[in-house]
Amino acid sequence: MEKRLKRMIPVFIILLLTLAACGNGGEASTEGDSSQSTSDLNVTLTMGAQSGSMYPIGASIGEFISGEYEDAQTSVKVGGALANLELVGSNEAQMGHSSTGLSYAATEGIEPFDEKLSEVTSIAKVFESVFQFAVLENSEVTSLEQVKEEQYPLKLSVGPRGTENELLTRRVLEEYGMTYEDIEGWGGRIEYVSMSDSSSLMRDGHIEAVTSLAGFPSAPFEEMNSSRQLKFLNLSEEVTQNLADQYGYQAMELPAETYTGQENAVETVGGGVVIIANKNMPEEVIYEVTKWMNSEDGINTLSNINVGVKEFLSDPEKASSGLGAPLHPGAERFYEEAGVE
């Protein structure tokens, strides 16, 4: 018996040391906690194409974080408004950009999302995009109501499948009682191609209409308009209201003279381009990021990339409203201090 006890003593010692390592009172391990501390900060920002505005904006935010937190590791990857929400929602990326319309859809769990992305939060709106439905000036089409009533064989480019522009175009047509299949059945065409390819098709006369959810003036539209005069179709008040109520878009206006030969303002919808973050990002970090973005240094840095940024980041009310997804607690704290109710 004495020998057995002697052999068991080391085992008890090992057990006691193991319990001590787990913490007093048997506290649960924090392994698997998705939140990050500022002492161990690793941030991936998923942004747009390198040729666009959002990638360098993401790089600038990453540089700020690295400069603010000595041991922080940041990286920027190419993404897209739709994919970015899924990456940030799953914490594969901690920050990124998207749109207000898609952020709303992610929060509500509606198309194109199968379930709510409850981990997605917002930081700031940085500029706006408007939905532009352009038709060749010499086309018979003057309104979307006419396309439906006459079952007009419209030849239309809607952007690549699965993009927000393609989704919004489909929703707009549905508000007027049309589907892509209807248009093709009337002898028309639907092209799922990029704006550069759309421009070539328009210039060569293979299509007569193209849509884009973009800032204004849009360089591809300016290019198309310089070779073949365009006209822009209005959306009715009922349609803009329905799109706002159902999908979180905003009624907006394409100002007169945005493009050469465009004499009148155009009623349409749109939304903002927003910076998003996983809700488990440390509150302190997001507070400091939001504060910097809205500071003179942040505004100057980011508006040198896209001049539209200045309108929103110089006004905390604009930067924090209509974001689609709820504010991150760190961003919310900044806007409260800035006097936004």
Protein backbone atom coordinates (compact mmCIF):
# COMPACT_ATOMS: atom_id res chain seq x y z
CA MET A 1 0.00 0.00 0.00
CA GLU A 2 2.80 2.42 0.98
CA LYS A 3 4.50 1.84 -2.35
CA ARG A 4 1.23 2.53 -4.22
CA LEU A 5 0.79 5.84 -2.39
CA LYS A 6 4.34 6.89 -3.27
CA ARG A 7 3.68 6.17 -6.95
CA MET A 8 0.44 8.21 -6.89
CA ILE A 9 1.95 11.36 -5.30
CA PRO A 10 3.54 12.62 -8.55
CA VAL A 11 0.19 12.12 -10.32
CA PHE A 12 -1.57 14.33 -7.73
CA ILE A 13 1.11 16.98 -8.11
CA ILE A 14 0.62 17.04 -11.90
CA LEU A 15 -3.13 17.36 -11.47
CA LEU A 16 -2.75 20.25 -9.03
CA LEU A 17 -0.39 22.08 -11.38
CA THR A 18 -2.78 21.59 -14.29
CA LEU A 19 -5.70 23.02 -12.30
CA ALA A 20 -3.60 25.99 -11.26
CA ALA A 21 -2.74 26.70 -14.87
CA CYS A 22 -6.46 26.83 -15.71
CA GLY A 23 -6.94 29.68 -13.23
CA ASN A 24 -8.37 30.12 -9.74
CA GLY A 25 -11.84 28.81 -9.12
CA GLY A 26 -11.80 26.73 -12.32
CA GLU A 27 -12.34 29.74 -14.64
CA ALA A 28 -13.19 28.75 -18.22
CA SER A 29 -10.52 29.00 -20.87
CA THR A 30 -10.83 31.95 -23.28
CA GLU A 31 -9.64 29.86 -26.20
CA GLY A 32 -11.94 30.35 -29.18
CA ASP A 33 -13.08 33.86 -28.10
CA SER A 34 -13.34 35.84 -31.35
CA SER A 35 -12.70 39.22 -29.72
CA GLN A 36 -9.23 40.71 -29.93
CA SER A 37 -7.15 42.67 -27.44
CA THR A 38 -5.15 45.67 -28.56
CA SER A 39 -1.95 43.91 -27.45
CA ASP A 40 -2.48 41.14 -30.01
CA LEU A 41 -4.10 42.92 -32.94
CA ASN A 42 -4.22 41.22 -36.32
CA VAL A 43 -6.51 42.99 -38.79
CA THR A 44 -7.34 41.95 -42.33
CA LEU A 45 -9.22 44.56 -44.37
CA THR A 46 -11.15 43.22 -47.37
CA MET A 47 -11.75 46.01 -49.87
CA GLY A 48 -12.41 46.57 -53.57
CA ALA A 49 -10.24 46.19 -56.65
CA GLN A 50 -6.76 47.70 -56.51
CA SER A 51 -7.70 50.01 -59.39
CA GLY A 52 -10.61 51.55 -57.47
CA SER A 53 -10.93 53.91 -54.50
CA MET A 54 -11.72 51.46 -51.74
CA TYR A 55 -8.50 49.44 -51.80
CA PRO A 56 -6.24 52.46 -51.09
CA ILE A 57 -8.76 53.73 -48.52
CA GLY A 58 -8.45 50.36 -46.76
CA ALA A 59 -4.67 50.56 -46.99
CA SER A 60 -4.75 54.02 -45.36
CA ILE A 61 -6.92 52.74 -42.51
CA GLY A 62 -4.54 49.82 -42.07
CA GLU A 63 -1.56 52.19 -41.93
CA PHE A 64 -3.29 54.23 -39.24
CA ILE A 65 -3.94 51.12 -37.12
CA SER A 66 -0.33 49.96 -37.50
CA GLY A 67 0.93 53.39 -36.49
CA GLU A 68 -1.43 53.65 -33.52
CA TYR A 69 -0.77 50.18 -32.09
CA GLU A 70 2.87 49.14 -31.98
CA ASP A 71 2.39 45.38 -32.31
CA ALA A 72 -0.58 45.48 -34.71
CA GLN A 73 -0.40 43.48 -37.92
CA THR A 74 -2.61 44.68 -40.79
CA SER A 75 -3.12 43.51 -44.34
CA VAL A 76 -5.42 44.52 -47.21
CA LYS A 77 -6.97 42.05 -49.66
CA VAL A 78 -9.04 42.47 -52.80
CA GLY A 79 -12.73 41.74 -52.31
CA GLY A 80 -16.15 43.02 -53.26
CA ALA A 81 -19.15 44.62 -51.55
CA LEU A 82 -21.06 41.32 -51.31
CA ALA A 83 -18.21 38.95 -50.44
CA ASN A 84 -16.80 41.42 -47.92
CA LEU A 85 -19.91 41.17 -45.75
CA GLU A 86 -19.60 37.40 -45.60
CA LEU A 87 -15.87 37.59 -44.79
CA VAL A 88 -16.35 40.18 -42.05
CA GLY A 89 -19.42 38.37 -40.75
CA SER A 90 -17.41 35.15 -40.32
CA ASN A 91 -14.39 37.06 -38.94
CA GLU A 92 -12.18 35.83 -41.78
CA ALA A 93 -11.59 39.54 -42.24
CA GLN A 94 -12.02 42.01 -39.40
CA MET A 95 -12.80 45.13 -41.46
CA GLY A 96 -13.81 45.96 -45.00
CA HIS A 97 -16.20 47.94 -47.14
CA SER A 98 -19.67 47.32 -48.52
CA SER A 99 -22.82 49.25 -49.44
CA THR A 100 -25.75 50.38 -47.35
CA GLY A 101 -28.17 48.28 -49.41
CA LEU A 102 -26.20 45.06 -49.00
CA SER A 103 -25.48 45.80 -45.34
CA TYR A 104 -29.21 46.16 -44.77
CA ALA A 105 -29.85 42.86 -46.58
CA ALA A 106 -27.17 41.14 -44.48
CA THR A 107 -28.66 42.50 -41.25
CA GLU A 108 -32.18 41.41 -42.24
CA GLY A 109 -31.15 38.08 -43.78
CA ILE A 110 -32.79 38.81 -47.15
CA GLU A 111 -31.56 38.15 -50.71
CA PRO A 112 -28.75 37.68 -51.52
CA PHE A 113 -28.16 36.32 -47.99
CA ASP A 114 -29.68 33.10 -46.67
CA GLU A 115 -29.39 34.15 -43.03
CA LYS A 116 -28.70 37.21 -40.90
CA LEU A 117 -25.06 38.22 -40.54
CA SER A 118 -25.35 39.43 -36.97
CA GLU A 119 -21.58 39.94 -36.53
CA VAL A 120 -21.44 42.77 -39.09
CA THR A 121 -21.36 46.36 -37.82
CA SER A 122 -20.77 49.75 -39.44
CA ILE A 123 -18.15 52.44 -38.88
CA ALA A 124 -18.86 55.23 -41.38
CA LYS A 125 -20.37 56.11 -44.72
CA VAL A 126 -17.65 57.51 -46.97
CA PHE A 127 -19.51 58.44 -50.16
CA GLU A 128 -22.66 57.65 -52.11
CA SER A 129 -23.52 55.66 -55.23
CA VAL A 130 -26.61 56.20 -57.36
CA PHE A 131 -28.43 53.80 -59.66
CA GLN A 132 -28.12 55.02 -63.24
CA PHE A 133 -30.25 53.53 -66.03
CA ALA A 134 -28.85 54.84 -69.31
CA VAL A 135 -30.34 54.37 -72.78
CA LEU A 136 -29.05 55.54 -76.15
CA GLU A 137 -30.52 58.93 -77.05
CA ASN A 138 -31.85 57.55 -80.36
CA SER A 139 -33.60 54.61 -78.67
CA GLU A 140 -37.38 54.51 -78.77
CA VAL A 141 -37.43 53.90 -75.03
CA THR A 142 -38.29 56.89 -72.84
CA SER A 143 -39.46 55.12 -69.65
CA LEU A 144 -39.57 51.74 -67.96
CA GLU A 145 -43.37 51.91 -67.97
CA GLN A 146 -43.17 52.01 -71.78
CA VAL A 147 -40.92 48.93 -71.89
CA LYS A 148 -43.53 46.99 -69.91
CA GLU A 149 -46.59 48.30 -71.77
CA GLU A 150 -45.16 47.78 -75.25
CA GLN A 151 -43.26 44.59 -74.36
CA TYR A 152 -40.27 46.32 -75.87
CA PRO A 153 -37.32 44.06 -76.85
CA LEU A 154 -34.76 45.95 -74.77
CA LYS A 155 -31.10 45.05 -75.20
CA LEU A 156 -29.70 45.69 -71.73
CA SER A 157 -26.43 45.16 -69.84
CA VAL A 158 -26.92 44.63 -66.09
CA GLY A 159 -23.40 43.84 -64.86
CA PRO A 160 -21.92 40.46 -63.85
CA ARG A 161 -24.21 37.97 -62.13
CA GLY A 162 -24.24 38.18 -58.36
CA THR A 163 -23.15 41.82 -58.16
CA GLU A 164 -25.22 44.39 -56.33
CA ASN A 165 -25.86 46.26 -59.57
CA GLU A 166 -27.31 43.16 -61.22
CA LEU A 167 -29.45 42.47 -58.15
CA LEU A 168 -30.74 46.05 -57.98
CA THR A 169 -31.48 46.12 -61.72
CA ARG A 170 -33.54 42.95 -61.33
CA ARG A 171 -35.43 44.47 -58.42
CA VAL A 172 -36.13 47.68 -60.34
CA LEU A 173 -37.53 45.76 -63.28
CA GLU A 174 -39.65 43.62 -60.95
CA GLU A 175 -41.16 46.82 -59.48
CA TYR A 176 -42.33 47.61 -63.00
CA GLY A 177 -43.73 44.11 -63.43
CA MET A 178 -40.93 42.71 -65.59
CA THR A 179 -38.31 39.99 -65.38
CA TYR A 180 -35.19 39.28 -67.40
CA GLU A 181 -37.05 36.31 -68.89
CA ASP A 182 -39.90 38.59 -69.99
CA ILE A 183 -37.53 40.90 -71.82
CA GLU A 184 -35.80 37.98 -73.55
CA GLY A 185 -39.22 36.56 -74.45
CA TRP A 186 -40.08 39.86 -76.17
CA GLY A 187 -36.96 39.52 -78.32
CA GLY A 188 -34.59 41.52 -76.15
CA ARG A 189 -31.23 40.58 -74.56
CA ILE A 190 -29.72 40.63 -71.12
CA GLU A 191 -25.94 40.91 -70.97
CA TYR A 192 -24.09 40.08 -67.74
CA VAL A 193 -20.83 41.89 -68.47
CA SER A 194 -18.56 44.51 -66.94
CA MET A 195 -18.88 48.23 -67.61
CA SER A 196 -15.88 48.19 -69.97
CA ASP A 197 -17.49 45.41 -72.01
CA SER A 198 -20.84 47.21 -71.83
CA SER A 199 -19.20 50.32 -73.24
CA SER A 200 -17.88 48.34 -76.23
CA LEU A 201 -21.27 46.70 -76.82
CA MET A 202 -23.01 50.07 -76.60
CA ARG A 203 -20.52 51.75 -78.94
CA ASP A 204 -20.91 48.96 -81.52
CA GLY A 205 -24.72 49.04 -81.33
CA HIS A 206 -25.16 45.55 -79.86
CA ILE A 207 -27.04 46.90 -76.83
CA GLU A 208 -28.98 50.10 -76.23
CA ALA A 209 -29.14 50.30 -72.44
CA VAL A 210 -26.88 49.77 -69.44
CA THR A 211 -27.24 50.13 -65.68
CA SER A 212 -24.69 50.99 -63.03
CA LEU A 213 -24.73 51.62 -59.29
CA ALA A 214 -21.83 54.04 -59.02
CA GLY A 215 -20.69 57.49 -58.05
CA PHE A 216 -21.38 60.36 -60.37
CA PRO A 217 -20.25 61.39 -62.81
CA SER A 218 -19.25 57.83 -63.69
CA ALA A 219 -16.18 57.62 -65.93
CA PRO A 220 -17.58 54.71 -68.02
CA PHE A 221 -20.79 56.65 -68.65
CA GLU A 222 -18.80 59.75 -69.59
CA GLU A 223 -16.85 57.63 -72.06
CA MET A 224 -20.01 56.10 -73.55
CA ASN A 225 -21.72 59.48 -73.66
CA SER A 226 -18.83 61.01 -75.58
CA SER A 227 -19.16 58.47 -78.38
CA ARG A 228 -22.94 57.96 -78.37
CA GLN A 229 -25.29 60.38 -76.58
CA LEU A 230 -27.13 58.84 -73.61
CA LYS A 231 -30.37 59.63 -71.83
CA PHE A 232 -31.18 58.55 -68.27
CA LEU A 233 -34.49 57.05 -67.17
CA ASN A 234 -36.40 58.20 -64.08
CA LEU A 235 -37.75 55.83 -61.46
CA SER A 236 -41.25 56.63 -60.23
CA GLU A 237 -41.86 57.84 -56.69
CA GLU A 238 -43.74 54.62 -55.91
CA VAL A 239 -40.85 52.48 -57.10
CA THR A 240 -38.22 54.44 -55.17
CA GLN A 241 -40.36 54.22 -52.03
CA ASN A 242 -40.86 50.47 -52.42
CA LEU A 243 -37.13 49.91 -52.90
CA ALA A 244 -36.45 51.98 -49.79
CA ASP A 245 -39.02 50.14 -47.69
CA GLN A 246 -38.10 46.63 -48.83
CA TYR A 247 -34.35 46.80 -49.38
CA GLY A 248 -33.00 49.83 -47.53
CA TYR A 249 -32.14 51.97 -50.56
CA GLN A 250 -32.61 55.74 -50.51
CA ALA A 251 -34.49 57.96 -52.92
CA MET A 252 -31.81 60.02 -54.67
CA GLU A 253 -31.34 62.35 -57.59
CA LEU A 254 -28.83 62.37 -60.42
CA PRO A 255 -28.30 66.14 -60.76
CA ALA A 256 -28.92 67.93 -64.03
CA GLU A 257 -25.81 68.40 -66.16
CA THR A 258 -24.01 65.49 -64.50
CA TYR A 259 -23.29 64.38 -68.06
CA THR A 260 -23.02 66.45 -71.22
CA GLY A 261 -26.45 66.84 -72.78
CA GLN A 262 -28.33 65.72 -69.64
CA GLU A 263 -30.53 68.77 -69.11
CA ASN A 264 -32.80 67.54 -66.32
CA ALA A 265 -32.29 65.90 -62.95
CA VAL A 266 -33.14 62.19 -62.82
CA GLU A 267 -35.10 60.58 -59.98
CA THR A 268 -33.54 57.30 -58.87
CA VAL A 269 -32.28 55.37 -55.83
CA GLY A 270 -28.91 54.72 -54.31
CA GLY A 271 -27.03 54.23 -51.14
CA GLY A 272 -23.75 54.75 -49.40
CA VAL A 273 -20.40 53.05 -49.52
CA VAL A 274 -19.61 52.09 -45.93
CA ILE A 275 -16.69 50.86 -43.86
CA ILE A 276 -17.71 47.78 -41.87
CA ALA A 277 -16.18 45.79 -39.00
CA ASN A 278 -16.77 42.54 -37.17
CA LYS A 279 -18.52 43.39 -33.91
CA ASN A 280 -15.75 41.65 -31.91
CA MET A 281 -13.12 44.16 -33.00
CA PRO A 282 -11.94 45.95 -29.83
CA GLU A 283 -14.08 48.98 -29.04
CA GLU A 284 -10.99 51.12 -28.43
CA VAL A 285 -9.56 50.35 -31.88
CA ILE A 286 -12.78 51.13 -33.76
CA TYR A 287 -13.25 54.29 -31.69
CA GLU A 288 -9.78 55.50 -32.67
CA VAL A 289 -10.29 54.53 -36.34
CA THR A 290 -13.60 56.38 -36.48
CA LYS A 291 -12.09 59.40 -34.74
CA TRP A 292 -9.18 59.46 -37.19
CA MET A 293 -11.40 59.07 -40.26
CA ASN A 294 -13.45 62.06 -39.15
CA SER A 295 -10.38 64.15 -38.23
CA GLU A 296 -8.69 66.73 -40.44
CA ASP A 297 -5.78 64.36 -41.07
CA GLY A 298 -8.09 61.45 -41.91
CA ILE A 299 -10.33 63.53 -44.18
CA ASN A 300 -7.33 64.96 -46.07
CA THR A 301 -5.76 61.52 -46.46
CA LEU A 302 -8.91 59.78 -47.68
CA SER A 303 -10.30 62.63 -49.80
CA ASN A 304 -7.04 62.62 -51.77
CA ILE A 305 -8.10 59.12 -52.83
CA ASN A 306 -11.76 59.97 -53.49
CA VAL A 307 -12.92 63.58 -53.21
CA GLY A 308 -16.47 62.46 -52.33
CA VAL A 309 -15.22 61.30 -48.92
CA LYS A 310 -14.95 64.88 -47.66
CA GLU A 311 -18.70 65.54 -47.82
CA PHE A 312 -19.44 62.72 -45.38
CA LEU A 313 -16.46 62.56 -43.05
CA SER A 314 -16.61 66.31 -42.42
CA ASP A 315 -20.17 65.84 -41.12
CA PRO A 316 -20.54 63.14 -38.42
CA GLU A 317 -24.33 63.18 -38.93
CA LYS A 318 -23.93 62.17 -42.59
CA ALA A 319 -21.15 59.70 -41.85
CA SER A 320 -23.25 57.85 -39.26
CA SER A 321 -26.74 57.78 -40.78
CA GLY A 322 -28.42 55.28 -43.12
CA LEU A 323 -25.62 52.72 -42.83
CA GLY A 324 -27.65 49.53 -43.27
CA ALA A 325 -26.02 47.66 -40.38
CA PRO A 326 -25.84 48.86 -36.76
CA LEU A 327 -22.91 50.93 -35.58
CA HIS A 328 -19.99 49.23 -33.88
CA PRO A 329 -19.89 50.27 -30.18
CA GLY A 330 -16.57 52.05 -30.76
CA ALA A 331 -17.98 54.07 -33.65
CA GLU A 332 -21.17 54.75 -31.71
CA ARG A 333 -19.11 56.17 -28.83
CA PHE A 334 -17.31 58.56 -31.19
CA TYR A 335 -20.51 59.84 -32.81
CA GLU A 336 -22.15 60.35 -29.41
CA GLU A 337 -19.15 62.43 -28.33
CA ALA A 338 -19.45 64.36 -31.61
CA GLY A 339 -23.03 65.28 -30.70
CA VAL A 340 -24.90 62.96 -33.05
CA GLU A 341 -28.15 61.80 -31.46
